[in-house]
């Protein structure tokens, strides 16, 4: 069975709930019904806009799916400022990004924290988008595979093959996020191919064939088609370009 493409927009700390309403409405107008048969389309607004975007998606009968940018691993309690997986699930969130490099590098999240978040997402019926990526210094030191392999294994350790096959992995080289500098098609395909082989070695070839692996890092309408031409790349986790409905729709419809 062929893997279905997935294009997810990570809006990061952008858009009030009113702006988010306009953005998702405009995106919906720019996509054709047939696009959703080919691509799972996901938007990940900030927490303050999740309910507003959910309402638009449901009332306008849009097939855009709702994602969240982060989660805490405990279901409830005295964790000021945190948002739990049950809270997200009740809002109709289907996808949750865990392990984004900004969470790792700015907020000090390690592999053990990412693993706990991933399991909380799974326990509440949502799908994690597990982000891994190396810094420029690590790439120049030629330890990319060591770094991203360690991140992936740290997040997925102890999961069964069926669970791993149903996940989404996002390869996001840190040096390409928000910099305008994109990994070449060959660099992206090489890293993603390595991640797929790693899944095969650890969880079996069936899981490796099922799992969807995205590229993220300065994805634009101009470079998406080349990336998607690579066999192992199943979509994109899009940052800045996802804030522009026209650009994001062009990325979703990369084959046009």
Protein backbone atom coordinates (compact mmCIF):
# COMPACT_ATOMS: atom_id res chain seq x y z
CA UNK A 1 0.00 0.00 0.00
CA UNK A 2 1.40 3.37 -1.05
CA UNK A 3 2.08 5.91 1.65
CA UNK A 4 -0.16 8.97 1.46
CA UNK A 5 1.63 12.32 1.36
CA UNK A 6 1.29 14.61 4.37
CA UNK A 7 1.87 18.36 4.37
CA UNK A 8 1.74 20.01 7.80
CA UNK A 9 2.01 23.71 8.57
CA UNK A 10 3.72 24.65 11.82
CA UNK A 11 2.59 28.21 12.55
CA UNK A 12 4.84 28.47 15.61
CA UNK A 13 4.18 31.56 17.78
CA UNK A 14 2.28 33.43 15.08
CA UNK A 15 -1.37 34.38 14.52
CA UNK A 16 -4.02 35.49 16.97
CA UNK A 17 -7.18 33.41 16.97
CA UNK A 18 -8.82 35.93 14.62
CA UNK A 19 -5.90 35.80 12.20
CA UNK A 20 -5.91 32.01 12.41
CA UNK A 21 -9.58 31.91 11.39
CA UNK A 22 -8.83 33.95 8.28
CA UNK A 23 -5.76 31.88 7.43
CA UNK A 24 -7.51 28.52 7.57
CA UNK A 25 -10.54 29.84 5.66
CA UNK A 26 -8.31 31.18 2.89
CA UNK A 27 -6.39 27.92 2.74
CA UNK A 28 -9.63 25.97 2.46
CA UNK A 29 -10.79 28.15 -0.45
CA UNK A 30 -7.54 27.52 -2.32
CA UNK A 31 -7.62 23.72 -2.14
CA UNK A 32 -9.72 21.45 -4.34
CA UNK A 33 -11.64 18.44 -2.99
CA UNK A 34 -9.39 16.07 -4.90
CA UNK A 35 -6.29 17.46 -3.21
CA UNK A 36 -7.26 15.81 0.07
CA UNK A 37 -7.44 12.40 -1.59
CA UNK A 38 -3.78 12.74 -2.45
CA UNK A 39 -2.46 14.64 0.59
CA UNK A 40 -3.29 14.81 4.29
CA UNK A 41 -3.31 18.55 5.02
CA UNK A 42 -2.58 19.60 8.60
CA UNK A 43 -2.30 22.99 10.28
CA UNK A 44 -0.70 23.45 13.71
CA UNK A 45 -1.80 26.81 15.16
CA UNK A 46 -0.70 28.12 18.55
CA UNK A 47 -2.68 26.79 21.51
CA UNK A 48 -4.76 29.98 21.76
CA UNK A 49 -6.14 29.44 18.24
CA UNK A 50 -6.87 25.71 18.32
CA UNK A 51 -10.53 26.04 19.28
CA UNK A 52 -11.16 28.76 16.69
CA UNK A 53 -9.53 26.75 13.91
CA UNK A 54 -11.40 23.61 14.99
CA UNK A 55 -14.70 25.48 14.72
CA UNK A 56 -13.91 26.77 11.22
CA UNK A 57 -12.87 23.32 10.02
CA UNK A 58 -16.06 21.75 11.34
CA UNK A 59 -18.56 24.44 10.34
CA UNK A 60 -17.10 24.95 6.85
CA UNK A 61 -16.79 21.16 6.33
CA UNK A 62 -13.11 21.50 5.50
CA UNK A 63 -10.94 18.40 5.26
CA UNK A 64 -7.99 20.24 6.75
CA UNK A 65 -6.83 18.41 9.88
CA UNK A 66 -5.88 19.99 13.19
CA UNK A 67 -2.46 19.61 14.76
CA UNK A 68 -0.74 20.96 17.85
CA UNK A 69 2.84 22.18 18.17
CA UNK A 70 3.61 20.72 21.58
CA UNK A 71 2.15 18.81 24.54
CA UNK A 72 2.96 17.95 28.15
CA UNK A 73 3.21 14.31 29.20
CA UNK A 74 1.04 14.37 32.32
CA UNK A 75 -2.76 14.22 31.86
CA UNK A 76 -3.48 16.91 34.48
CA UNK A 77 -2.06 18.52 37.61
CA UNK A 78 -0.01 21.40 38.95
CA UNK A 79 1.96 22.16 35.79
CA UNK A 80 1.43 25.88 35.27
CA UNK A 81 1.35 26.88 31.63
CA UNK A 82 1.29 23.38 30.20
CA UNK A 83 -1.29 21.71 27.94
CA UNK A 84 -2.09 18.01 28.24
CA UNK A 85 -2.81 15.40 25.59
CA UNK A 86 -6.41 14.83 26.82
CA UNK A 87 -7.06 18.56 26.43
CA UNK A 88 -5.84 18.46 22.84
CA UNK A 89 -7.76 15.32 22.00
CA UNK A 90 -11.01 16.91 23.23
CA UNK A 91 -10.41 19.77 20.77
CA UNK A 92 -10.28 17.40 17.84
CA UNK A 93 -6.51 17.55 17.46
CA UNK A 94 -5.28 14.62 15.35
CA UNK A 95 -1.54 15.31 15.13
CA UNK A 96 1.03 16.60 17.64
CA UNK A 97 4.59 17.69 16.91
CA UNK A 98 7.08 16.35 19.46
CA UNK A 99 10.82 16.90 19.56
CA UNK A 100 11.00 20.02 17.39
CA UNK A 101 14.50 21.47 17.46
CA UNK A 102 13.24 24.72 18.97
CA UNK A 103 11.85 22.74 21.89
CA UNK A 104 15.12 20.83 22.20
CA UNK A 105 17.49 23.78 21.92
CA UNK A 106 15.55 26.69 23.45
CA UNK A 107 13.64 24.80 26.14
CA UNK A 108 16.12 22.04 26.88
CA UNK A 109 13.97 19.04 25.98
CA UNK A 110 15.97 15.83 25.79
CA UNK A 111 15.19 12.48 24.20
CA UNK A 112 13.59 11.15 27.39
CA UNK A 113 11.16 14.09 27.52
CA UNK A 114 10.34 13.66 23.84
CA UNK A 115 9.63 9.96 24.45
CA UNK A 116 7.25 10.77 27.33
CA UNK A 117 5.38 13.29 25.20
CA UNK A 118 5.13 10.84 22.31
CA UNK A 119 3.59 8.22 24.56
CA UNK A 120 1.07 10.70 25.98
CA UNK A 121 0.00 11.57 22.43
CA UNK A 122 -0.42 7.90 21.52
CA UNK A 123 -2.33 7.14 24.72
CA UNK A 124 -4.92 9.74 23.74
CA UNK A 125 -5.55 8.52 20.21
CA UNK A 126 -3.51 11.14 18.35
CA UNK A 127 -0.54 10.70 16.02
CA UNK A 128 2.87 12.11 16.91
CA UNK A 129 4.99 13.90 14.32
CA UNK A 130 8.43 13.11 15.72
CA UNK A 131 11.00 15.71 14.69
CA UNK A 132 14.71 14.96 14.50
CA UNK A 133 17.58 16.99 13.10
CA UNK A 134 21.23 17.93 13.37
CA UNK A 135 22.93 21.31 13.80
CA UNK A 136 25.32 22.77 11.22
CA UNK A 137 28.25 21.93 13.47
CA UNK A 138 27.13 18.31 13.71
CA UNK A 139 26.70 18.04 9.95
CA UNK A 140 30.14 19.53 9.35
CA UNK A 141 31.55 17.04 11.87
CA UNK A 142 29.93 14.28 9.75
CA UNK A 143 27.87 12.90 12.64
CA UNK A 144 24.42 13.57 11.15
CA UNK A 145 23.40 9.91 11.19
CA UNK A 146 24.64 9.43 14.74
CA UNK A 147 22.66 12.45 15.94
CA UNK A 148 19.35 11.84 14.18
CA UNK A 149 19.56 8.11 14.72
CA UNK A 150 20.04 8.63 18.44
CA UNK A 151 17.13 11.05 18.59
CA UNK A 152 14.84 8.65 16.76
CA UNK A 153 15.79 5.60 18.78
CA UNK A 154 15.48 7.57 22.01
CA UNK A 155 11.93 8.57 21.10
CA UNK A 156 10.74 5.20 19.78
CA UNK A 157 12.47 2.80 22.16
CA UNK A 158 10.07 0.17 23.47
CA UNK A 159 7.31 0.76 20.91
CA UNK A 160 6.02 -2.14 18.84
CA UNK A 161 6.31 -2.36 15.07
CA UNK A 162 2.67 -1.54 14.35
CA UNK A 163 2.82 1.62 16.44
CA UNK A 164 6.04 2.78 14.81
CA UNK A 165 4.66 2.16 11.33
CA UNK A 166 1.69 4.42 12.04
CA UNK A 167 3.83 7.34 13.25
CA UNK A 168 5.11 10.30 11.27
CA UNK A 169 8.78 11.28 11.42
CA UNK A 170 10.00 14.72 10.36
CA UNK A 171 13.64 15.24 9.41
CA UNK A 172 14.40 18.89 10.06
CA UNK A 173 18.06 19.88 9.84
CA UNK A 174 18.43 22.65 12.41
CA UNK A 175 20.65 24.66 10.09
CA UNK A 176 17.81 24.89 7.53
CA UNK A 177 14.95 25.95 9.84
CA UNK A 178 13.95 29.55 9.25
CA UNK A 179 17.27 30.38 7.62
CA UNK A 180 16.24 30.26 3.99
CA UNK A 181 18.90 27.61 3.54
CA UNK A 182 17.39 24.30 2.48
CA UNK A 183 19.01 20.91 2.45
CA UNK A 184 19.54 19.81 -1.12
CA UNK A 185 17.17 17.21 -2.45
CA UNK A 186 19.99 14.69 -2.22
CA UNK A 187 20.90 15.63 1.39
CA UNK A 188 17.27 15.37 2.46
CA UNK A 189 16.76 12.07 0.67
CA UNK A 190 19.97 10.63 2.11
CA UNK A 191 19.02 11.50 5.71
CA UNK A 192 15.44 10.32 5.30
CA UNK A 193 16.57 7.12 3.63
CA UNK A 194 18.83 6.49 6.61
CA UNK A 195 15.93 7.02 9.01
CA UNK A 196 13.77 4.57 7.05
CA UNK A 197 16.54 1.97 7.12
CA UNK A 198 16.90 2.52 10.85
CA UNK A 199 13.20 1.83 11.34
CA UNK A 200 13.56 -1.32 9.25
CA UNK A 201 16.47 -2.55 11.32
CA UNK A 202 14.73 -1.87 14.62
CA UNK A 203 11.08 -2.60 13.87
CA UNK A 204 10.97 -4.55 10.62
CA UNK A 205 10.57 -3.85 6.93
CA UNK A 206 6.78 -3.57 7.15
CA UNK A 207 7.08 -0.71 9.63
CA UNK A 208 9.73 0.94 7.47
CA UNK A 209 7.46 0.82 4.44
CA UNK A 210 4.47 2.17 6.39
CA UNK A 211 6.03 5.02 8.33
CA UNK A 212 5.74 8.44 6.71
CA UNK A 213 8.86 10.61 6.82
CA UNK A 214 8.64 14.33 6.09
CA UNK A 215 11.26 16.95 5.31
CA UNK A 216 11.22 20.29 7.11
CA UNK A 217 13.47 23.32 6.81
CA UNK A 218 12.72 26.38 4.68
CA UNK A 219 10.25 24.53 2.45
CA UNK A 220 8.79 26.78 -0.26
CA UNK A 221 6.61 26.47 -3.36
CA UNK A 222 9.85 26.64 -5.33
CA UNK A 223 11.59 23.64 -3.80
CA UNK A 224 8.76 21.31 -2.76
CA UNK A 225 8.41 19.48 -6.09
CA UNK A 226 12.07 18.50 -6.16
CA UNK A 227 11.91 17.21 -2.61
CA UNK A 228 8.72 15.25 -3.26
CA UNK A 229 10.29 13.60 -6.30
CA UNK A 230 12.49 11.60 -3.93
CA UNK A 231 11.02 8.17 -3.19
CA UNK A 232 11.51 8.19 0.57
CA UNK A 233 10.14 11.72 1.19
CA UNK A 234 6.43 11.56 2.01
CA UNK A 235 5.68 15.24 2.61
CA UNK A 236 6.81 18.31 4.48
CA UNK A 237 6.63 20.05 7.82
CA UNK A 238 6.39 23.66 6.69
CA UNK A 239 7.25 26.68 8.82
CA UNK A 240 7.19 30.25 7.54
CA UNK A 241 5.55 29.50 4.18
CA UNK A 242 2.57 27.92 5.95
CA UNK A 243 1.58 31.36 7.30
CA UNK A 244 0.72 32.47 3.75
CA UNK A 245 -2.36 30.56 2.49
CA UNK A 246 -1.37 31.06 -1.14
CA UNK A 247 2.14 29.70 -0.61
CA UNK A 248 0.95 26.86 1.60
CA UNK A 249 -1.71 25.82 -0.91
CA UNK A 250 0.96 25.76 -3.62
CA UNK A 251 3.10 23.51 -1.44
CA UNK A 252 0.16 21.18 -0.80
CA UNK A 253 -0.52 21.09 -4.55
CA UNK A 254 3.14 20.57 -5.42
CA UNK A 255 2.36 18.51 -8.54
CA UNK A 256 0.46 21.34 -10.29
